[in-house]
Amino acid sequence: MKREVAPIPTLTADQSEAASLIEEWYFHLNTQIFVLCGYAGTGKTFLVDYIVRKMGLVPGESAVFVTPTGKAASVLIRGGTPASTIHSLIYTREEDVEINEDGEIISEQFLRFVLKSGLPKEIKLIVVDETSMVSDDLLRDLLSFGIKCLFCGDPAQLPPVYGTNSLMKMPVITLKEIVRQERDNPIVRMSEAVRAGKFLSYGRYGENAAVIPKNALTAEQRQELFLKADQIIVGTNRTRSLINREIRTYMGISAENALPIEGEKLICTLNDWSKPLDEEGNFHLVNGIIGNCFDVREGEDGLGLLDFQADFLDSAVGNLPFDAGIFYEGRYFHNYGAKACLLADGRLVHENNFGALRSTKVRREDTIARFEFAYAVTCHKSQGSEYDTVVVLDESRLFSDGREWLYTAITRAKKNLVIIR
């Protein structure tokens, strides 16, 4: 029986040029860095997977794929590429803890991330996706291992919220030609227009994309549109808060229910690298992680407890103490790094108020997490993510980098996009 041979993929002209340059760099040049830039629709992810395999490397083994955020890593994983965060690859967590007689952690004295002394010898290439979100500080630590790094990113997206990113300013090559499969994609065409500085007029852009004036929607149409969206993207925190309240009203949740109820969509707004979200410790409860809450319980001292499941994982993390102030009064009650005590009798209190309860056994002491509703998120918080159906409330005019803001918001949508202006 004749064995079928897989067809050789057809590359665009600039994909073919980029593939040759990457191969030459990897096998024959001494430079550690190769920066590959590519705009939406140019097939950057496909090209990287293709050239890695063509060079005889195995994703997840001799070639490791990493991203700045857990959500960005999940996008690669869903596409069939093993991936993790940069932090989980190059750092180890060191913590000094107090443990009770049952072996339970009751107090974290300190936590720090320490650069690993080395990486597995089988790793020959590190592929960094979503490079536009990588700060120069993180870059320095990554390069300290001396392993060749292929950096990939979209130069038209927003820069990191914290720190600077120098890599996207010095690409070896930038993919600009839209691949055949994406040439008729209205979302890609809209992103091209915005990147070129063109104004998106009101109207439809194919069956699944449109720009509409905000006053053109009836109350019923607005409600239907918002409830169908996988994600609503806005510019400011003020707008985000207003839209989140609006969505909860549509869902029939009374304003008296200030705290989240079962299954509501939340976003973490505080980095807490002491809280792994999965058994392997690849993902942590850090700023920007979106998921759903369960078993929400009110504590004392403006605190609460909940279970949280990130939207890219199959299991939840239980009994997370959180600052309830943002839900009650629109502000956090507790400072960064503050801790809560979970008592043996099930009560949750702030560490400062534990003095009068010394006779009560402490089951656990833990850092207080911060969550907010996530039906709407800011564009900066949406980076590294993608959603089937996106509604964008265009507030690009409020930002000095408004073009990058709108481009980033548009390119979060995979199938359906509505921009409201």
Protein backbone atom coordinates (compact mmCIF):
# COMPACT_ATOMS: atom_id res chain seq x y z
CA MET A 1 0.00 0.00 0.00
CA LYS A 2 1.37 3.36 -1.02
CA ARG A 3 2.05 5.67 1.92
CA GLU A 4 0.50 9.13 1.69
CA VAL A 5 2.92 12.03 1.94
CA ALA A 6 1.76 15.17 3.71
CA PRO A 7 1.69 18.14 1.31
CA ILE A 8 4.41 20.74 1.72
CA PRO A 9 2.76 23.94 2.96
CA THR A 10 2.78 26.91 0.64
CA LEU A 11 4.45 29.91 2.26
CA THR A 12 3.96 33.53 1.31
CA ALA A 13 7.00 35.35 -0.04
CA ASP A 14 7.84 37.01 3.26
CA GLN A 15 7.13 33.80 5.23
CA SER A 16 9.59 31.99 2.98
CA GLU A 17 12.19 34.73 3.47
CA ALA A 18 11.64 34.69 7.24
CA ALA A 19 11.97 30.90 7.37
CA SER A 20 15.32 31.06 5.53
CA LEU A 21 16.60 33.80 7.84
CA ILE A 22 15.56 31.91 10.98
CA GLU A 23 17.22 28.72 9.73
CA GLU A 24 20.42 30.59 8.87
CA TRP A 25 20.41 32.29 12.28
CA TYR A 26 19.80 29.10 14.23
CA PHE A 27 22.40 26.92 12.53
CA HIS A 28 25.10 29.36 11.45
CA LEU A 29 25.05 32.63 13.43
CA ASN A 30 26.33 33.31 16.94
CA THR A 31 23.70 35.92 17.85
CA GLN A 32 21.33 34.81 20.62
CA ILE A 33 18.26 36.79 19.56
CA PHE A 34 16.04 36.65 16.48
CA VAL A 35 13.04 38.99 16.47
CA LEU A 36 10.20 38.02 14.14
CA CYS A 37 7.40 40.56 13.88
CA GLY A 38 4.10 39.95 12.15
CA TYR A 39 0.83 41.81 11.81
CA ALA A 40 -2.58 40.21 12.24
CA GLY A 41 -3.38 37.70 9.51
CA THR A 42 0.20 37.15 8.32
CA GLY A 43 0.45 33.58 9.66
CA LYS A 44 3.15 34.22 12.23
CA THR A 45 2.12 31.36 14.53
CA PHE A 46 1.90 28.91 11.65
CA LEU A 47 5.32 29.94 10.34
CA VAL A 48 7.02 29.51 13.73
CA ASP A 49 5.55 26.03 14.21
CA TYR A 50 6.57 25.10 10.65
CA ILE A 51 10.18 26.28 10.90
CA VAL A 52 10.72 24.79 14.38
CA ARG A 53 9.73 21.36 13.10
CA LYS A 54 11.64 21.81 9.83
CA MET A 55 14.81 22.45 11.85
CA GLY A 56 14.34 19.10 13.57
CA LEU A 57 13.25 20.49 16.93
CA VAL A 58 10.44 19.06 19.04
CA PRO A 59 7.96 21.51 20.58
CA GLY A 60 7.88 21.08 24.35
CA GLU A 61 11.25 19.32 24.39
CA SER A 62 14.18 20.74 22.39
CA ALA A 63 12.10 23.84 21.58
CA VAL A 64 10.05 25.33 24.42
CA PHE A 65 7.29 27.85 23.83
CA VAL A 66 6.66 30.51 26.48
CA THR A 67 4.52 33.62 26.87
CA PRO A 68 4.37 36.53 29.33
CA THR A 69 0.93 35.47 30.63
CA GLY A 70 -0.94 32.28 31.40
CA LYS A 71 -3.82 33.28 29.14
CA ALA A 72 -1.48 33.77 26.18
CA ALA A 73 0.06 30.35 26.88
CA SER A 74 -3.41 28.80 26.88
CA VAL A 75 -4.00 30.13 23.34
CA LEU A 76 -0.96 28.17 22.11
CA ILE A 77 -1.96 25.09 24.09
CA ARG A 78 -5.45 25.08 22.56
CA GLY A 79 -3.76 25.25 19.15
CA GLY A 80 -1.80 22.08 19.92
CA THR A 81 1.52 23.63 20.98
CA PRO A 82 2.86 22.83 24.49
CA ALA A 83 3.47 26.15 26.25
CA SER A 84 3.98 27.74 29.66
CA THR A 85 4.80 31.16 31.08
CA ILE A 86 8.26 32.71 31.05
CA HIS A 87 8.16 32.87 34.85
CA SER A 88 7.53 29.14 35.26
CA LEU A 89 10.41 28.36 32.89
CA ILE A 90 13.17 30.49 34.40
CA TYR A 91 12.26 31.10 38.06
CA THR A 92 11.77 29.01 41.16
CA ARG A 93 9.64 30.13 44.08
CA GLU A 94 11.28 30.30 47.48
CA GLU A 95 9.15 30.77 50.56
CA ASP A 96 9.68 30.60 54.29
CA VAL A 97 6.51 29.26 55.90
CA GLU A 98 5.16 28.26 59.27
CA ILE A 99 3.55 24.81 59.33
CA ASN A 100 1.24 23.45 62.04
CA GLU A 101 1.22 19.94 63.49
CA ASP A 102 -1.10 18.76 60.70
CA GLY A 103 1.33 19.89 58.02
CA GLU A 104 -0.84 22.82 56.93
CA ILE A 105 0.71 26.13 55.92
CA ILE A 106 -0.55 28.69 58.39
CA SER A 107 1.76 31.63 57.72
CA GLU A 108 3.85 32.77 54.73
CA GLN A 109 6.80 34.75 56.03
CA PHE A 110 8.13 35.78 52.62
CA LEU A 111 8.00 34.77 48.99
CA ARG A 112 10.46 35.54 46.25
CA PHE A 113 11.29 34.38 42.76
CA VAL A 114 14.84 33.24 42.20
CA LEU A 115 16.41 32.79 38.79
CA LYS A 116 17.17 29.13 38.15
CA SER A 117 20.82 28.14 37.97
CA GLY A 118 20.24 26.46 34.64
CA LEU A 119 17.67 24.98 32.27
CA PRO A 120 17.46 21.38 30.98
CA LYS A 121 20.28 20.63 28.54
CA GLU A 122 17.84 19.34 25.91
CA ILE A 123 16.43 22.84 25.40
CA LYS A 124 18.06 24.25 22.28
CA LEU A 125 15.59 27.02 21.45
CA ILE A 126 13.20 29.20 23.43
CA VAL A 127 10.29 30.60 21.42
CA VAL A 128 8.68 33.63 23.06
CA ASP A 129 5.20 34.52 21.83
CA GLU A 130 3.40 37.85 22.49
CA THR A 131 6.78 39.53 22.80
CA SER A 132 5.24 43.01 22.78
CA MET A 133 4.16 42.33 26.38
CA VAL A 134 7.66 41.34 27.61
CA SER A 135 9.49 43.96 29.65
CA ASP A 136 13.22 44.52 29.24
CA ASP A 137 13.81 43.39 32.85
CA LEU A 138 12.26 40.00 32.17
CA LEU A 139 14.16 39.83 28.89
CA ARG A 140 17.50 40.21 30.66
CA ASP A 141 16.78 37.28 32.97
CA LEU A 142 15.64 35.10 30.08
CA LEU A 143 18.77 35.80 28.03
CA SER A 144 21.07 35.04 30.97
CA PHE A 145 20.80 31.30 30.23
CA GLY A 146 22.61 31.73 26.91
CA ILE A 147 20.00 29.73 24.93
CA LYS A 148 18.95 31.00 21.53
CA CYS A 149 15.63 32.85 21.69
CA LEU A 150 13.17 33.39 18.84
CA PHE A 151 10.97 36.34 19.80
CA CYS A 152 7.63 36.71 18.03
CA GLY A 153 5.15 39.53 18.32
CA ASP A 154 2.90 42.09 16.70
CA PRO A 155 4.59 45.51 16.58
CA ALA A 156 1.27 47.33 16.19
CA GLN A 157 -0.04 46.25 19.58
CA LEU A 158 0.16 48.15 22.84
CA PRO A 159 3.46 48.03 24.77
CA PRO A 160 3.69 46.51 28.28
CA VAL A 161 1.73 48.29 30.99
CA TYR A 162 4.80 48.22 33.25
CA GLY A 163 8.36 48.68 32.06
CA THR A 164 9.62 49.13 28.53
CA ASN A 165 10.00 46.82 25.56
CA SER A 166 12.92 47.40 23.21
CA LEU A 167 12.72 44.20 21.17
CA MET A 168 9.82 45.16 18.94
CA LYS A 169 11.81 48.14 17.68
CA MET A 170 14.54 45.95 16.18
CA PRO A 171 12.95 43.13 14.15
CA VAL A 172 15.05 41.06 11.79
CA ILE A 173 12.01 40.74 9.57
CA THR A 174 8.36 41.77 9.72
CA LEU A 175 5.61 39.71 8.08
CA LYS A 176 3.25 42.03 6.24
CA GLU A 177 1.62 39.90 3.54
CA ILE A 178 -1.79 38.57 4.58
CA VAL A 179 -2.02 34.80 4.10
CA ARG A 180 -4.56 33.47 1.62
CA GLN A 181 -6.89 32.10 4.31
CA GLU A 182 -7.19 35.54 5.94
CA ARG A 183 -7.49 37.83 2.92
CA ASP A 184 -11.27 37.90 3.08
CA ASN A 185 -11.43 38.12 6.89
CA PRO A 186 -13.18 41.43 7.69
CA ILE A 187 -11.56 41.60 11.15
CA VAL A 188 -8.11 41.38 9.59
CA ARG A 189 -9.06 44.02 7.00
CA MET A 190 -10.28 46.33 9.76
CA SER A 191 -7.06 45.85 11.72
CA GLU A 192 -5.06 46.64 8.56
CA ALA A 193 -6.99 49.86 8.04
CA VAL A 194 -6.50 51.00 11.63
CA ARG A 195 -2.79 50.15 11.51
CA ALA A 196 -2.50 52.28 8.37
CA GLY A 197 -4.09 55.22 10.18
CA LYS A 198 -7.42 55.04 8.36
CA PHE A 199 -10.71 55.91 10.00
CA LEU A 200 -13.25 53.09 10.29
CA SER A 201 -16.56 54.46 9.02
CA TYR A 202 -19.89 53.26 10.35
CA GLY A 203 -21.27 50.23 8.59
CA ARG A 204 -20.88 46.50 8.10
CA TYR A 205 -17.55 44.91 7.24
CA GLY A 206 -18.75 41.52 6.08
CA GLU A 207 -21.30 39.33 7.83
CA ASN A 208 -19.59 39.20 11.21
CA ALA A 209 -18.07 42.64 11.75
CA ALA A 210 -19.53 46.13 12.06
CA VAL A 211 -18.98 49.64 13.40
CA ILE A 212 -22.13 51.21 14.81
CA PRO A 213 -23.02 54.48 16.60
CA LYS A 214 -23.87 53.99 20.26
CA ASN A 215 -27.21 55.78 19.90
CA ALA A 216 -28.30 53.44 17.09
CA LEU A 217 -29.02 50.57 19.47
CA THR A 218 -32.34 50.17 21.22
CA ALA A 219 -32.24 49.09 24.86
CA GLU A 220 -33.25 45.57 23.81
CA GLN A 221 -30.58 45.40 21.07
CA ARG A 222 -27.89 46.62 23.46
CA GLN A 223 -28.83 44.01 26.03
CA GLU A 224 -28.85 41.20 23.46
CA LEU A 225 -25.50 42.29 22.02
CA PHE A 226 -23.79 42.59 25.40
CA LEU A 227 -25.06 39.25 26.68
CA LYS A 228 -23.89 37.44 23.52
CA ALA A 229 -20.35 38.84 23.75
CA ASP A 230 -17.60 36.57 24.99
CA GLN A 231 -15.78 39.74 26.02
CA ILE A 232 -16.53 43.45 26.09
CA ILE A 233 -13.44 45.64 25.75
CA VAL A 234 -13.34 49.25 26.95
CA GLY A 235 -10.76 51.96 27.52
CA THR A 236 -11.19 53.30 31.04
CA ASN A 237 -11.85 51.77 34.44
CA ARG A 238 -14.84 54.07 34.87
CA THR A 239 -16.49 52.68 31.74
CA ARG A 240 -15.56 49.15 32.78
CA SER A 241 -17.34 49.56 36.13
CA LEU A 242 -20.45 51.01 34.49
CA ILE A 243 -20.69 48.23 31.91
CA ASN A 244 -20.15 45.50 34.49
CA ARG A 245 -23.02 46.86 36.57
CA GLU A 246 -25.17 47.05 33.44
CA ILE A 247 -24.44 43.42 32.52
CA ARG A 248 -25.34 42.20 36.02
CA THR A 249 -28.66 44.00 35.68
CA TYR A 250 -29.30 42.21 32.38
CA MET A 251 -28.55 38.92 34.14
CA GLY A 252 -31.23 39.65 36.71
CA ILE A 253 -28.80 40.08 39.58
CA SER A 254 -30.10 42.52 42.16
CA ALA A 255 -27.98 45.49 43.16
CA GLU A 256 -28.36 44.20 46.71
CA ASN A 257 -26.09 41.30 45.73
CA ALA A 258 -22.90 43.33 45.93
CA LEU A 259 -20.66 40.30 46.16
CA PRO A 260 -20.27 37.99 43.16
CA ILE A 261 -22.72 35.09 43.00
CA GLU A 262 -22.15 31.55 41.80
CA GLY A 263 -20.47 31.35 38.39
CA GLU A 264 -19.90 35.07 37.82
CA LYS A 265 -17.04 36.20 35.64
CA LEU A 266 -14.14 37.81 37.53
CA ILE A 267 -10.69 39.18 36.76
CA CYS A 268 -7.75 39.11 39.15
CA THR A 269 -6.27 42.60 39.60
CA LEU A 270 -3.24 41.80 41.76
CA ASN A 271 -0.15 39.68 41.17
CA ASP A 272 0.09 36.82 43.66
CA TRP A 273 2.79 34.40 42.57
CA SER A 274 2.30 32.39 45.79
CA LYS A 275 -0.98 30.97 44.47
CA PRO A 276 -0.60 28.37 41.69
CA LEU A 277 -3.72 27.72 39.62
CA ASP A 278 -2.73 24.23 38.52
CA GLU A 279 -1.00 21.25 40.13
CA GLU A 280 2.12 21.64 38.00
CA GLY A 281 2.58 25.28 39.04
CA ASN A 282 2.72 26.55 35.45
CA PHE A 283 0.08 29.22 36.02
CA HIS A 284 -0.49 31.57 38.94
CA LEU A 285 -3.12 33.98 40.21
CA VAL A 286 -1.75 37.14 38.65
CA ASN A 287 -3.07 40.42 37.32
CA GLY A 288 -5.29 39.92 34.27
CA ILE A 289 -6.32 36.28 34.82
CA ILE A 290 -10.04 35.90 34.01
CA GLY A 291 -12.25 33.11 35.26
CA ASN A 292 -15.38 32.19 37.19
CA CYS A 293 -16.07 32.16 40.91
CA PHE A 294 -17.87 29.54 42.95
CA ASP A 295 -18.95 29.05 46.56
CA VAL A 296 -18.60 32.74 47.46
CA ARG A 297 -18.73 33.33 51.22
CA GLU A 298 -18.72 36.57 53.16
CA GLY A 299 -16.14 36.97 55.92
CA GLU A 300 -15.47 39.58 58.56
CA ASP A 301 -13.44 42.80 58.23
CA GLY A 302 -14.54 43.42 54.62
CA LEU A 303 -13.26 40.05 53.43
CA GLY A 304 -14.70 37.11 51.54
CA LEU A 305 -13.77 33.59 50.47
CA LEU A 306 -14.30 32.06 47.05
CA ASP A 307 -13.18 29.30 44.72
CA PHE A 308 -11.78 30.49 41.39
CA GLN A 309 -11.36 28.67 38.09
CA ALA A 310 -9.34 30.36 35.36
CA ASP A 311 -11.13 30.21 32.01
CA PHE A 312 -8.32 28.23 30.41
CA LEU A 313 -8.06 25.54 33.11
CA ASP A 314 -10.28 22.61 34.10
CA SER A 315 -9.95 22.85 37.87
CA ALA A 316 -10.51 25.54 40.49
CA VAL A 317 -8.43 26.86 43.38
CA GLY A 318 -10.37 26.81 46.62
CA ASN A 319 -10.78 29.07 49.63
CA LEU A 320 -9.14 32.21 48.30
CA PRO A 321 -9.54 35.17 50.67
CA PHE A 322 -10.45 38.32 48.72
CA ASP A 323 -10.94 42.02 49.38
CA ALA A 324 -14.69 42.64 49.29
CA GLY A 325 -14.34 46.42 49.45
CA ILE A 326 -14.30 46.86 45.69
CA PHE A 327 -17.73 45.22 45.47
CA TYR A 328 -19.23 47.09 48.43
CA GLU A 329 -17.84 50.60 47.95
CA GLY A 330 -15.83 50.61 44.70
CA ARG A 331 -12.50 50.69 46.54
CA TYR A 332 -10.21 48.15 48.13
CA PHE A 333 -10.25 48.01 51.93
CA HIS A 334 -6.89 46.26 52.39
CA ASN A 335 -3.35 47.15 51.34
CA TYR A 336 -1.13 45.21 48.97
CA GLY A 337 0.34 42.16 50.74
CA ALA A 338 -2.18 42.21 53.61
CA LYS A 339 -3.14 38.80 54.99
CA ALA A 340 -6.30 37.17 56.21
CA CYS A 341 -6.66 34.48 58.88
CA LEU A 342 -8.99 31.56 58.25
CA LEU A 343 -9.97 30.34 61.71
CA ALA A 344 -10.73 26.78 62.73
CA ASP A 345 -14.36 27.71 63.32
CA GLY A 346 -14.66 28.84 59.67
CA ARG A 347 -14.50 32.59 60.28
CA LEU A 348 -12.30 34.78 58.08
CA VAL A 349 -10.70 37.86 59.68
CA HIS A 350 -7.99 40.36 58.85
CA GLU A 351 -4.59 39.62 60.41
CA ASN A 352 -4.61 42.91 62.36
CA ASN A 353 -7.82 41.92 64.12
CA PHE A 354 -6.66 38.50 65.19
CA GLY A 355 -5.15 39.69 68.45
CA ALA A 356 -8.41 39.43 70.38
CA LEU A 357 -8.98 35.91 69.05
CA ARG A 358 -5.77 34.20 70.13
CA SER A 359 -7.71 31.44 71.81
CA THR A 360 -9.14 30.47 68.42
CA LYS A 361 -7.01 28.11 66.35
CA VAL A 362 -5.83 29.45 62.99
CA ARG A 363 -6.31 27.01 60.16
CA ARG A 364 -4.47 29.12 57.62
CA GLU A 365 -3.03 32.57 57.00
CA ASP A 366 -3.03 33.74 53.40
CA THR A 367 -2.45 36.84 51.26
CA ILE A 368 -5.64 38.68 50.36
CA ALA A 369 -6.49 38.46 46.65
CA ARG A 370 -8.20 41.13 44.59
CA PHE A 371 -10.95 40.44 42.07
CA GLU A 372 -13.38 42.56 40.06
CA PHE A 373 -16.18 41.75 37.64
CA ALA A 374 -14.92 40.92 34.14
CA TYR A 375 -17.85 41.08 31.75
CA ALA A 376 -16.02 44.17 30.52
CA VAL A 377 -12.25 44.62 30.75
CA THR A 378 -9.85 47.29 29.61
CA CYS A 379 -7.95 46.77 26.39
CA HIS A 380 -4.66 46.54 28.29
CA LYS A 381 -6.03 43.67 30.39
CA SER A 382 -7.24 41.84 27.27
CA GLN A 383 -3.76 41.58 25.71
CA GLY A 384 -2.59 38.05 25.08
CA SER A 385 -6.18 36.79 24.90
CA GLU A 386 -8.55 35.99 22.07
CA TYR A 387 -12.32 35.52 22.06
CA ASP A 388 -14.83 34.32 19.49
CA THR A 389 -17.21 37.28 19.88
CA VAL A 390 -15.95 40.71 20.97
CA VAL A 391 -17.75 44.01 21.52
CA VAL A 392 -15.45 47.04 21.63
CA LEU A 393 -16.57 50.33 23.15
CA ASP A 394 -14.22 52.55 21.17
CA GLU A 395 -12.51 54.91 23.61
CA SER A 396 -9.31 55.15 21.58
CA ARG A 397 -9.66 58.94 21.43
CA LEU A 398 -8.78 59.06 25.14
CA PHE A 399 -5.29 57.64 24.60
CA SER A 400 -2.14 59.08 23.06
CA ASP A 401 -1.52 55.67 21.47
CA GLY A 402 -5.13 55.43 20.30
CA ARG A 403 -4.29 53.67 17.05
CA GLU A 404 -2.42 50.89 18.88
CA TRP A 405 -5.28 50.73 21.40
CA LEU A 406 -7.93 50.16 18.73
CA TYR A 407 -5.75 47.74 16.75
CA THR A 408 -5.15 45.67 19.88
CA ALA A 409 -8.86 45.64 20.74
CA ILE A 410 -9.86 44.58 17.21
CA THR A 411 -7.34 41.75 17.06
CA ARG A 412 -8.74 40.14 20.22
CA ALA A 413 -11.73 38.97 18.11
CA LYS A 414 -11.55 35.64 16.29
CA LYS A 415 -14.97 35.34 14.63
CA ASN A 416 -17.33 38.21 15.43
CA LEU A 417 -16.64 41.89 16.14
CA VAL A 418 -18.84 44.89 16.87
CA ILE A 419 -17.29 48.30 17.51
CA ILE A 420 -19.54 50.84 19.21
CA ARG A 421 -18.49 54.47 18.88
